[in-house]
ModelCIF file with pLDDT and N, C-alpha, C, O atoms, coordinates in Angstrom:
data_MODEL
#
_entry.id   MODEL 
#
_entity.id                         1 
_entity.type                       polymer 
_entity.pdbx_number_of_molecules   1 
#
_entity_poly.entity_id                      1 
_entity_poly.type                           'polypeptide(L)' 
_entity_poly.nstd_linkage                   no 
_entity_poly.nstd_monomer                   no 
_entity_poly.pdbx_seq_one_letter_code       RVDSTGYFFGDEMLSAPEEGKWISYLAINPETGNEARKHTWMVRYD 
_entity_poly.pdbx_seq_one_letter_code_can   RVDSTGYFFGDEMLSAPEEGKWISYLAINPETGNEARKHTWMVRYD 
_entity_poly.pdbx_strand_id                 A 
#
loop_
_entity_poly_seq.entity_id 
_entity_poly_seq.num 
_entity_poly_seq.mon_id 
_entity_poly_seq.hetero 
1 1  ARG n 
1 2  VAL n 
1 3  ASP n 
1 4  SER n 
1 5  THR n 
1 6  GLY n 
1 7  TYR n 
1 8  PHE n 
1 9  PHE n 
1 10 GLY n 
1 11 ASP n 
1 12 GLU n 
1 13 MET n 
1 14 LEU n 
1 15 SER n 
1 16 ALA n 
1 17 PRO n 
1 18 GLU n 
1 19 GLU n 
1 20 GLY n 
1 21 LYS n 
1 22 TRP n 
1 23 ILE n 
1 24 SER n 
1 25 TYR n 
1 26 LEU n 
1 27 ALA n 
1 28 ILE n 
1 29 ASN n 
1 30 PRO n 
1 31 GLU n 
1 32 THR n 
1 33 GLY n 
1 34 ASN n 
1 35 GLU n 
1 36 ALA n 
1 37 ARG n 
1 38 LYS n 
1 39 HIS n 
1 40 THR n 
1 41 TRP n 
1 42 MET n 
1 43 VAL n 
1 44 ARG n 
1 45 TYR n 
1 46 ASP n 
#
_struct_asym.id          A 
_struct_asym.entity_id   1 
#
loop_
_ma_qa_metric.id 
_ma_qa_metric.mode 
_ma_qa_metric.name 
_ma_qa_metric.software_group_id 
_ma_qa_metric.type 
1 global pLDDT . pLDDT 
2 local  pLDDT . pLDDT 
#
_ma_qa_metric_global.metric_id      1 
_ma_qa_metric_global.metric_value   95.41 
_ma_qa_metric_global.model_id       1 
_ma_qa_metric_global.ordinal_id     1 
#
loop_
_ma_qa_metric_local.label_asym_id 
_ma_qa_metric_local.label_comp_id 
_ma_qa_metric_local.label_seq_id 
_ma_qa_metric_local.metric_id 
_ma_qa_metric_local.metric_value 
_ma_qa_metric_local.model_id 
_ma_qa_metric_local.ordinal_id 
A ARG 1  2 93.00 1 1  
A VAL 2  2 95.00 1 2  
A ASP 3  2 96.00 1 3  
A SER 4  2 95.00 1 4  
A THR 5  2 96.00 1 5  
A GLY 6  2 96.00 1 6  
A TYR 7  2 97.00 1 7  
A PHE 8  2 96.00 1 8  
A PHE 9  2 95.00 1 9  
A GLY 10 2 93.00 1 10 
A ASP 11 2 93.00 1 11 
A GLU 12 2 94.00 1 12 
A MET 13 2 95.00 1 13 
A LEU 14 2 94.00 1 14 
A SER 15 2 95.00 1 15 
A ALA 16 2 96.00 1 16 
A PRO 17 2 97.00 1 17 
A GLU 18 2 97.00 1 18 
A GLU 19 2 98.00 1 19 
A GLY 20 2 98.00 1 20 
A LYS 21 2 98.00 1 21 
A TRP 22 2 98.00 1 22 
A ILE 23 2 97.00 1 23 
A SER 24 2 97.00 1 24 
A TYR 25 2 97.00 1 25 
A LEU 26 2 97.00 1 26 
A ALA 27 2 93.00 1 27 
A ILE 28 2 91.00 1 28 
A ASN 29 2 91.00 1 29 
A PRO 30 2 90.00 1 30 
A GLU 31 2 90.00 1 31 
A THR 32 2 92.00 1 32 
A GLY 33 2 92.00 1 33 
A ASN 34 2 94.00 1 34 
A GLU 35 2 96.00 1 35 
A ALA 36 2 96.00 1 36 
A ARG 37 2 97.00 1 37 
A LYS 38 2 96.00 1 38 
A HIS 39 2 97.00 1 39 
A THR 40 2 97.00 1 40 
A TRP 41 2 97.00 1 41 
A MET 42 2 97.00 1 42 
A VAL 43 2 98.00 1 43 
A ARG 44 2 98.00 1 44 
A TYR 45 2 97.00 1 45 
A ASP 46 2 97.00 1 46 
#
loop_
_atom_site.group_PDB 
_atom_site.id 
_atom_site.type_symbol 
_atom_site.label_atom_id 
_atom_site.label_alt_id 
_atom_site.label_comp_id 
_atom_site.label_asym_id 
_atom_site.label_entity_id 
_atom_site.label_seq_id 
_atom_site.pdbx_PDB_ins_code 
_atom_site.Cartn_x 
_atom_site.Cartn_y 
_atom_site.Cartn_z 
_atom_site.occupancy 
_atom_site.B_iso_or_equiv 
_atom_site.pdbx_formal_charge 
_atom_site.auth_seq_id 
_atom_site.auth_comp_id 
_atom_site.auth_asym_id 
_atom_site.auth_atom_id 
_atom_site.pdbx_PDB_model_num 
ATOM 1   N N  . ARG A 1 1  ? 63.972 126.837 241.908 1.00 93.00 ? 1  ARG A N  1 
ATOM 2   C CA . ARG A 1 1  ? 64.211 127.578 242.164 1.00 93.00 ? 1  ARG A CA 1 
ATOM 3   C C  . ARG A 1 1  ? 65.642 127.830 242.280 1.00 93.00 ? 1  ARG A C  1 
ATOM 4   O O  . ARG A 1 1  ? 65.914 129.024 242.155 1.00 93.00 ? 1  ARG A O  1 
ATOM 5   N N  . VAL A 1 2  ? 66.370 127.268 242.428 1.00 95.00 ? 2  VAL A N  1 
ATOM 6   C CA . VAL A 1 2  ? 68.045 128.141 242.300 1.00 95.00 ? 2  VAL A CA 1 
ATOM 7   C C  . VAL A 1 2  ? 68.953 129.137 241.444 1.00 95.00 ? 2  VAL A C  1 
ATOM 8   O O  . VAL A 1 2  ? 69.063 129.618 240.317 1.00 95.00 ? 2  VAL A O  1 
ATOM 9   N N  . ASP A 1 3  ? 69.665 129.133 243.003 1.00 96.00 ? 3  ASP A N  1 
ATOM 10  C CA . ASP A 1 3  ? 70.519 130.947 241.839 1.00 96.00 ? 3  ASP A CA 1 
ATOM 11  C C  . ASP A 1 3  ? 71.482 130.689 241.701 1.00 96.00 ? 3  ASP A C  1 
ATOM 12  O O  . ASP A 1 3  ? 71.612 129.550 242.149 1.00 96.00 ? 3  ASP A O  1 
ATOM 13  N N  . SER A 1 4  ? 72.602 131.131 241.226 1.00 95.00 ? 4  SER A N  1 
ATOM 14  C CA . SER A 1 4  ? 74.231 130.897 239.766 1.00 95.00 ? 4  SER A CA 1 
ATOM 15  C C  . SER A 1 4  ? 74.241 129.803 241.230 1.00 95.00 ? 4  SER A C  1 
ATOM 16  O O  . SER A 1 4  ? 74.247 128.578 241.105 1.00 95.00 ? 4  SER A O  1 
ATOM 17  N N  . THR A 1 5  ? 74.242 130.485 242.543 1.00 96.00 ? 5  THR A N  1 
ATOM 18  C CA . THR A 1 5  ? 75.024 130.049 243.617 1.00 96.00 ? 5  THR A CA 1 
ATOM 19  C C  . THR A 1 5  ? 74.768 129.198 244.380 1.00 96.00 ? 5  THR A C  1 
ATOM 20  O O  . THR A 1 5  ? 75.157 129.081 245.543 1.00 96.00 ? 5  THR A O  1 
ATOM 21  N N  . GLY A 1 6  ? 74.022 128.468 243.718 1.00 96.00 ? 6  GLY A N  1 
ATOM 22  C CA . GLY A 1 6  ? 73.036 126.782 244.804 1.00 96.00 ? 6  GLY A CA 1 
ATOM 23  C C  . GLY A 1 6  ? 72.005 127.363 245.490 1.00 96.00 ? 6  GLY A C  1 
ATOM 24  O O  . GLY A 1 6  ? 71.102 126.595 245.823 1.00 96.00 ? 6  GLY A O  1 
ATOM 25  N N  . TYR A 1 7  ? 71.881 128.699 245.837 1.00 97.00 ? 7  TYR A N  1 
ATOM 26  C CA . TYR A 1 7  ? 70.496 128.565 246.708 1.00 97.00 ? 7  TYR A CA 1 
ATOM 27  C C  . TYR A 1 7  ? 69.094 128.577 246.330 1.00 97.00 ? 7  TYR A C  1 
ATOM 28  O O  . TYR A 1 7  ? 68.609 129.293 245.454 1.00 97.00 ? 7  TYR A O  1 
ATOM 29  N N  . PHE A 1 8  ? 68.498 127.764 247.029 1.00 96.00 ? 8  PHE A N  1 
ATOM 30  C CA . PHE A 1 8  ? 66.965 127.645 246.430 1.00 96.00 ? 8  PHE A CA 1 
ATOM 31  C C  . PHE A 1 8  ? 66.052 128.051 247.687 1.00 96.00 ? 8  PHE A C  1 
ATOM 32  O O  . PHE A 1 8  ? 65.786 127.666 248.825 1.00 96.00 ? 8  PHE A O  1 
ATOM 33  N N  . PHE A 1 9  ? 65.662 129.308 246.556 1.00 95.00 ? 9  PHE A N  1 
ATOM 34  C CA . PHE A 1 9  ? 64.994 129.749 247.225 1.00 95.00 ? 9  PHE A CA 1 
ATOM 35  C C  . PHE A 1 9  ? 62.737 129.255 247.305 1.00 95.00 ? 9  PHE A C  1 
ATOM 36  O O  . PHE A 1 9  ? 61.728 129.051 247.980 1.00 95.00 ? 9  PHE A O  1 
ATOM 37  N N  . GLY A 1 10 ? 63.133 129.319 246.495 1.00 93.00 ? 10 GLY A N  1 
ATOM 38  C CA . GLY A 1 10 ? 61.894 128.129 246.347 1.00 93.00 ? 10 GLY A CA 1 
ATOM 39  C C  . GLY A 1 10 ? 61.400 128.148 247.555 1.00 93.00 ? 10 GLY A C  1 
ATOM 40  O O  . GLY A 1 10 ? 60.776 129.149 247.909 1.00 93.00 ? 10 GLY A O  1 
ATOM 41  N N  . ASP A 1 11 ? 61.570 127.045 248.448 1.00 93.00 ? 11 ASP A N  1 
ATOM 42  C CA . ASP A 1 11 ? 60.557 127.086 249.673 1.00 93.00 ? 11 ASP A CA 1 
ATOM 43  C C  . ASP A 1 11 ? 59.955 129.244 250.074 1.00 93.00 ? 11 ASP A C  1 
ATOM 44  O O  . ASP A 1 11 ? 59.003 130.024 250.102 1.00 93.00 ? 11 ASP A O  1 
ATOM 45  N N  . GLU A 1 12 ? 61.646 129.080 250.305 1.00 94.00 ? 12 GLU A N  1 
ATOM 46  C CA . GLU A 1 12 ? 61.190 131.141 250.685 1.00 94.00 ? 12 GLU A CA 1 
ATOM 47  C C  . GLU A 1 12 ? 59.607 131.836 249.990 1.00 94.00 ? 12 GLU A C  1 
ATOM 48  O O  . GLU A 1 12 ? 58.703 132.648 250.184 1.00 94.00 ? 12 GLU A O  1 
ATOM 49  N N  . MET A 1 13 ? 60.183 130.705 248.991 1.00 95.00 ? 13 MET A N  1 
ATOM 50  C CA . MET A 1 13 ? 59.243 132.431 248.107 1.00 95.00 ? 13 MET A CA 1 
ATOM 51  C C  . MET A 1 13 ? 57.101 131.229 248.844 1.00 95.00 ? 13 MET A C  1 
ATOM 52  O O  . MET A 1 13 ? 56.307 131.745 249.630 1.00 95.00 ? 13 MET A O  1 
ATOM 53  N N  . LEU A 1 14 ? 56.950 130.107 248.343 1.00 94.00 ? 14 LEU A N  1 
ATOM 54  C CA . LEU A 1 14 ? 56.281 128.992 248.961 1.00 94.00 ? 14 LEU A CA 1 
ATOM 55  C C  . LEU A 1 14 ? 55.867 130.150 250.496 1.00 94.00 ? 14 LEU A C  1 
ATOM 56  O O  . LEU A 1 14 ? 54.823 130.772 250.693 1.00 94.00 ? 14 LEU A O  1 
ATOM 57  N N  . SER A 1 15 ? 56.996 130.098 251.275 1.00 95.00 ? 15 SER A N  1 
ATOM 58  C CA . SER A 1 15 ? 56.544 130.851 252.623 1.00 95.00 ? 15 SER A CA 1 
ATOM 59  C C  . SER A 1 15 ? 56.028 131.917 252.941 1.00 95.00 ? 15 SER A C  1 
ATOM 60  O O  . SER A 1 15 ? 55.695 132.315 254.057 1.00 95.00 ? 15 SER A O  1 
ATOM 61  N N  . ALA A 1 16 ? 55.930 132.544 251.659 1.00 96.00 ? 16 ALA A N  1 
ATOM 62  C CA . ALA A 1 16 ? 54.918 134.040 251.836 1.00 96.00 ? 16 ALA A CA 1 
ATOM 63  C C  . ALA A 1 16 ? 53.825 134.446 252.746 1.00 96.00 ? 16 ALA A C  1 
ATOM 64  O O  . ALA A 1 16 ? 52.870 134.670 252.002 1.00 96.00 ? 16 ALA A O  1 
ATOM 65  N N  . PRO A 1 17 ? 53.520 134.628 253.803 1.00 97.00 ? 17 PRO A N  1 
ATOM 66  C CA . PRO A 1 17 ? 52.619 135.210 254.424 1.00 97.00 ? 17 PRO A CA 1 
ATOM 67  C C  . PRO A 1 17 ? 50.817 135.856 254.124 1.00 97.00 ? 17 PRO A C  1 
ATOM 68  O O  . PRO A 1 17 ? 50.817 135.478 252.952 1.00 97.00 ? 17 PRO A O  1 
ATOM 69  N N  . GLU A 1 18 ? 49.959 136.242 254.224 1.00 97.00 ? 18 GLU A N  1 
ATOM 70  C CA . GLU A 1 18 ? 49.164 137.277 253.407 1.00 97.00 ? 18 GLU A CA 1 
ATOM 71  C C  . GLU A 1 18 ? 50.105 139.040 254.065 1.00 97.00 ? 18 GLU A C  1 
ATOM 72  O O  . GLU A 1 18 ? 50.266 140.135 253.526 1.00 97.00 ? 18 GLU A O  1 
ATOM 73  N N  . GLU A 1 19 ? 50.538 138.421 255.543 1.00 98.00 ? 19 GLU A N  1 
ATOM 74  C CA . GLU A 1 19 ? 51.216 139.807 255.531 1.00 98.00 ? 19 GLU A CA 1 
ATOM 75  C C  . GLU A 1 19 ? 52.697 140.210 254.803 1.00 98.00 ? 19 GLU A C  1 
ATOM 76  O O  . GLU A 1 19 ? 53.234 141.275 255.107 1.00 98.00 ? 19 GLU A O  1 
ATOM 77  N N  . GLY A 1 20 ? 53.449 139.097 253.620 1.00 98.00 ? 20 GLY A N  1 
ATOM 78  C CA . GLY A 1 20 ? 53.895 139.690 253.027 1.00 98.00 ? 20 GLY A CA 1 
ATOM 79  C C  . GLY A 1 20 ? 55.592 139.261 253.829 1.00 98.00 ? 20 GLY A C  1 
ATOM 80  O O  . GLY A 1 20 ? 55.755 138.958 255.011 1.00 98.00 ? 20 GLY A O  1 
ATOM 81  N N  . LYS A 1 21 ? 56.597 139.357 252.828 1.00 98.00 ? 21 LYS A N  1 
ATOM 82  C CA . LYS A 1 21 ? 58.226 139.128 253.548 1.00 98.00 ? 21 LYS A CA 1 
ATOM 83  C C  . LYS A 1 21 ? 59.136 138.691 252.528 1.00 98.00 ? 21 LYS A C  1 
ATOM 84  O O  . LYS A 1 21 ? 58.905 137.876 251.635 1.00 98.00 ? 21 LYS A O  1 
ATOM 85  N N  . TRP A 1 22 ? 59.791 139.081 252.670 1.00 98.00 ? 22 TRP A N  1 
ATOM 86  C CA . TRP A 1 22 ? 61.243 139.910 251.564 1.00 98.00 ? 22 TRP A CA 1 
ATOM 87  C C  . TRP A 1 22 ? 61.850 139.233 250.988 1.00 98.00 ? 22 TRP A C  1 
ATOM 88  O O  . TRP A 1 22 ? 62.886 139.898 250.983 1.00 98.00 ? 22 TRP A O  1 
ATOM 89  N N  . ILE A 1 23 ? 62.095 138.316 250.409 1.00 97.00 ? 23 ILE A N  1 
ATOM 90  C CA . ILE A 1 23 ? 63.802 137.482 249.925 1.00 97.00 ? 23 ILE A CA 1 
ATOM 91  C C  . ILE A 1 23 ? 63.759 137.139 249.042 1.00 97.00 ? 23 ILE A C  1 
ATOM 92  O O  . ILE A 1 23 ? 62.832 137.072 248.235 1.00 97.00 ? 23 ILE A O  1 
ATOM 93  N N  . SER A 1 24 ? 65.762 136.554 248.971 1.00 97.00 ? 24 SER A N  1 
ATOM 94  C CA . SER A 1 24 ? 66.775 137.905 248.461 1.00 97.00 ? 24 SER A CA 1 
ATOM 95  C C  . SER A 1 24 ? 67.780 136.343 247.824 1.00 97.00 ? 24 SER A C  1 
ATOM 96  O O  . SER A 1 24 ? 68.321 135.350 248.312 1.00 97.00 ? 24 SER A O  1 
ATOM 97  N N  . TYR A 1 25 ? 67.538 137.017 246.352 1.00 97.00 ? 25 TYR A N  1 
ATOM 98  C CA . TYR A 1 25 ? 68.289 136.256 245.224 1.00 97.00 ? 25 TYR A CA 1 
ATOM 99  C C  . TYR A 1 25 ? 69.019 136.975 244.169 1.00 97.00 ? 25 TYR A C  1 
ATOM 100 O O  . TYR A 1 25 ? 69.112 138.114 243.712 1.00 97.00 ? 25 TYR A O  1 
ATOM 101 N N  . LEU A 1 26 ? 69.619 135.486 243.942 1.00 97.00 ? 26 LEU A N  1 
ATOM 102 C CA . LEU A 1 26 ? 70.771 136.102 242.608 1.00 97.00 ? 26 LEU A CA 1 
ATOM 103 C C  . LEU A 1 26 ? 69.352 136.212 241.309 1.00 97.00 ? 26 LEU A C  1 
ATOM 104 O O  . LEU A 1 26 ? 68.150 136.012 241.484 1.00 97.00 ? 26 LEU A O  1 
ATOM 105 N N  . ALA A 1 27 ? 70.054 136.581 240.116 1.00 93.00 ? 27 ALA A N  1 
ATOM 106 C CA . ALA A 1 27 ? 68.231 136.467 239.205 1.00 93.00 ? 27 ALA A CA 1 
ATOM 107 C C  . ALA A 1 27 ? 69.190 137.929 238.099 1.00 93.00 ? 27 ALA A C  1 
ATOM 108 O O  . ALA A 1 27 ? 70.227 138.573 238.253 1.00 93.00 ? 27 ALA A O  1 
ATOM 109 N N  . ILE A 1 28 ? 68.185 137.875 237.126 1.00 91.00 ? 28 ILE A N  1 
ATOM 110 C CA . ILE A 1 28 ? 68.686 137.937 235.676 1.00 91.00 ? 28 ILE A CA 1 
ATOM 111 C C  . ILE A 1 28 ? 68.361 138.967 236.055 1.00 91.00 ? 28 ILE A C  1 
ATOM 112 O O  . ILE A 1 28 ? 67.637 138.952 237.051 1.00 91.00 ? 28 ILE A O  1 
ATOM 113 N N  . ASN A 1 29 ? 68.753 140.406 235.422 1.00 91.00 ? 29 ASN A N  1 
ATOM 114 C CA . ASN A 1 29 ? 68.239 142.172 235.906 1.00 91.00 ? 29 ASN A CA 1 
ATOM 115 C C  . ASN A 1 29 ? 67.675 142.154 235.045 1.00 91.00 ? 29 ASN A C  1 
ATOM 116 O O  . ASN A 1 29 ? 68.657 141.445 235.264 1.00 91.00 ? 29 ASN A O  1 
ATOM 117 N N  . PRO A 1 30 ? 66.822 142.165 233.810 1.00 90.00 ? 30 PRO A N  1 
ATOM 118 C CA . PRO A 1 30 ? 65.594 142.062 233.099 1.00 90.00 ? 30 PRO A CA 1 
ATOM 119 C C  . PRO A 1 30 ? 67.211 142.978 231.996 1.00 90.00 ? 30 PRO A C  1 
ATOM 120 O O  . PRO A 1 30 ? 68.152 142.651 231.272 1.00 90.00 ? 30 PRO A O  1 
ATOM 121 N N  . GLU A 1 31 ? 66.495 144.343 232.655 1.00 90.00 ? 31 GLU A N  1 
ATOM 122 C CA . GLU A 1 31 ? 66.773 146.278 232.266 1.00 90.00 ? 31 GLU A CA 1 
ATOM 123 C C  . GLU A 1 31 ? 68.733 145.775 231.839 1.00 90.00 ? 31 GLU A C  1 
ATOM 124 O O  . GLU A 1 31 ? 69.240 146.203 230.802 1.00 90.00 ? 31 GLU A O  1 
ATOM 125 N N  . THR A 1 32 ? 69.389 145.042 232.633 1.00 92.00 ? 32 THR A N  1 
ATOM 126 C CA . THR A 1 32 ? 70.538 145.184 232.404 1.00 92.00 ? 32 THR A CA 1 
ATOM 127 C C  . THR A 1 32 ? 71.594 143.902 231.075 1.00 92.00 ? 32 THR A C  1 
ATOM 128 O O  . THR A 1 32 ? 72.576 143.932 230.334 1.00 92.00 ? 32 THR A O  1 
ATOM 129 N N  . GLY A 1 33 ? 70.356 142.830 231.587 1.00 92.00 ? 33 GLY A N  1 
ATOM 130 C CA . GLY A 1 33 ? 71.141 141.931 231.803 1.00 92.00 ? 33 GLY A CA 1 
ATOM 131 C C  . GLY A 1 33 ? 72.276 140.826 231.983 1.00 92.00 ? 33 GLY A C  1 
ATOM 132 O O  . GLY A 1 33 ? 72.683 139.835 231.376 1.00 92.00 ? 33 GLY A O  1 
ATOM 133 N N  . ASN A 1 34 ? 72.498 141.373 232.878 1.00 94.00 ? 34 ASN A N  1 
ATOM 134 C CA . ASN A 1 34 ? 73.275 140.643 233.793 1.00 94.00 ? 34 ASN A CA 1 
ATOM 135 C C  . ASN A 1 34 ? 72.590 139.958 235.399 1.00 94.00 ? 34 ASN A C  1 
ATOM 136 O O  . ASN A 1 34 ? 71.472 140.208 235.849 1.00 94.00 ? 34 ASN A O  1 
ATOM 137 N N  . GLU A 1 35 ? 73.460 139.216 235.918 1.00 96.00 ? 35 GLU A N  1 
ATOM 138 C CA . GLU A 1 35 ? 72.839 138.890 237.192 1.00 96.00 ? 35 GLU A CA 1 
ATOM 139 C C  . GLU A 1 35 ? 73.548 139.662 237.980 1.00 96.00 ? 35 GLU A C  1 
ATOM 140 O O  . GLU A 1 35 ? 74.671 140.166 237.969 1.00 96.00 ? 35 GLU A O  1 
ATOM 141 N N  . ALA A 1 36 ? 72.223 139.624 238.973 1.00 96.00 ? 36 ALA A N  1 
ATOM 142 C CA . ALA A 1 36 ? 72.782 140.869 240.124 1.00 96.00 ? 36 ALA A CA 1 
ATOM 143 C C  . ALA A 1 36 ? 71.312 140.153 241.107 1.00 96.00 ? 36 ALA A C  1 
ATOM 144 O O  . ALA A 1 36 ? 70.265 139.662 240.684 1.00 96.00 ? 36 ALA A O  1 
ATOM 145 N N  . ARG A 1 37 ? 71.902 140.405 242.822 1.00 97.00 ? 37 ARG A N  1 
ATOM 146 C CA . ARG A 1 37 ? 71.151 140.196 243.388 1.00 97.00 ? 37 ARG A CA 1 
ATOM 147 C C  . ARG A 1 37 ? 69.794 141.334 243.657 1.00 97.00 ? 37 ARG A C  1 
ATOM 148 O O  . ARG A 1 37 ? 69.781 142.517 243.998 1.00 97.00 ? 37 ARG A O  1 
ATOM 149 N N  . LYS A 1 38 ? 68.471 140.146 243.257 1.00 96.00 ? 38 LYS A N  1 
ATOM 150 C CA . LYS A 1 38 ? 66.897 140.368 243.950 1.00 96.00 ? 38 LYS A CA 1 
ATOM 151 C C  . LYS A 1 38 ? 67.100 141.080 244.926 1.00 96.00 ? 38 LYS A C  1 
ATOM 152 O O  . LYS A 1 38 ? 68.184 141.062 245.508 1.00 96.00 ? 38 LYS A O  1 
ATOM 153 N N  . HIS A 1 39 ? 66.280 141.705 245.228 1.00 97.00 ? 39 HIS A N  1 
ATOM 154 C CA . HIS A 1 39 ? 65.513 141.859 246.232 1.00 97.00 ? 39 HIS A CA 1 
ATOM 155 C C  . HIS A 1 39 ? 63.792 141.127 246.273 1.00 97.00 ? 39 HIS A C  1 
ATOM 156 O O  . HIS A 1 39 ? 63.837 140.118 245.569 1.00 97.00 ? 39 HIS A O  1 
ATOM 157 N N  . THR A 1 40 ? 63.398 141.180 246.432 1.00 97.00 ? 40 THR A N  1 
ATOM 158 C CA . THR A 1 40 ? 61.947 140.310 246.214 1.00 97.00 ? 40 THR A CA 1 
ATOM 159 C C  . THR A 1 40 ? 60.434 140.461 247.186 1.00 97.00 ? 40 THR A C  1 
ATOM 160 O O  . THR A 1 40 ? 60.122 139.475 247.853 1.00 97.00 ? 40 THR A O  1 
ATOM 161 N N  . TRP A 1 41 ? 59.554 141.671 247.238 1.00 97.00 ? 41 TRP A N  1 
ATOM 162 C CA . TRP A 1 41 ? 58.741 141.662 248.572 1.00 97.00 ? 41 TRP A CA 1 
ATOM 163 C C  . TRP A 1 41 ? 57.792 140.353 247.578 1.00 97.00 ? 41 TRP A C  1 
ATOM 164 O O  . TRP A 1 41 ? 57.690 140.436 246.354 1.00 97.00 ? 41 TRP A O  1 
ATOM 165 N N  . MET A 1 42 ? 57.028 138.939 248.595 1.00 97.00 ? 42 MET A N  1 
ATOM 166 C CA . MET A 1 42 ? 55.787 138.025 247.994 1.00 97.00 ? 42 MET A CA 1 
ATOM 167 C C  . MET A 1 42 ? 54.888 137.850 249.598 1.00 97.00 ? 42 MET A C  1 
ATOM 168 O O  . MET A 1 42 ? 54.807 137.708 250.818 1.00 97.00 ? 42 MET A O  1 
ATOM 169 N N  . VAL A 1 43 ? 54.461 137.989 248.487 1.00 98.00 ? 43 VAL A N  1 
ATOM 170 C CA . VAL A 1 43 ? 52.160 137.701 249.256 1.00 98.00 ? 43 VAL A CA 1 
ATOM 171 C C  . VAL A 1 43 ? 51.329 136.930 249.305 1.00 98.00 ? 43 VAL A C  1 
ATOM 172 O O  . VAL A 1 43 ? 51.073 136.503 248.179 1.00 98.00 ? 43 VAL A O  1 
ATOM 173 N N  . ARG A 1 44 ? 50.691 136.470 250.131 1.00 98.00 ? 44 ARG A N  1 
ATOM 174 C CA . ARG A 1 44 ? 49.941 134.736 249.512 1.00 98.00 ? 44 ARG A CA 1 
ATOM 175 C C  . ARG A 1 44 ? 48.352 135.776 249.627 1.00 98.00 ? 44 ARG A C  1 
ATOM 176 O O  . ARG A 1 44 ? 47.692 136.404 250.455 1.00 98.00 ? 44 ARG A O  1 
ATOM 177 N N  . TYR A 1 45 ? 48.358 135.410 248.195 1.00 97.00 ? 45 TYR A N  1 
ATOM 178 C CA . TYR A 1 45 ? 46.678 136.614 248.397 1.00 97.00 ? 45 TYR A CA 1 
ATOM 179 C C  . TYR A 1 45 ? 45.747 135.471 247.598 1.00 97.00 ? 45 TYR A C  1 
ATOM 180 O O  . TYR A 1 45 ? 46.128 135.158 246.470 1.00 97.00 ? 45 TYR A O  1 
ATOM 181 N N  . ASP A 1 46 ? 44.435 134.781 248.184 1.00 97.00 ? 46 ASP A N  1 
ATOM 182 C CA . ASP A 1 46 ? 43.420 134.005 248.209 1.00 97.00 ? 46 ASP A CA 1 
ATOM 183 C C  . ASP A 1 46 ? 44.203 132.962 247.571 1.00 97.00 ? 46 ASP A C  1 
ATOM 184 O O  . ASP A 1 46 ? 43.690 131.871 247.321 1.00 97.00 ? 46 ASP A O  1 
#
């Protein structure tokens, strides 16, 4: 889980609490096929 800049966003994802958290990283937008900054809401449940 590393983006094209070398940012390892995996730890951020795995640290998501039950209250949730936002993380941002570069990823391919499936709508455009281009890389863009993605803002992801991560939440832990069960």
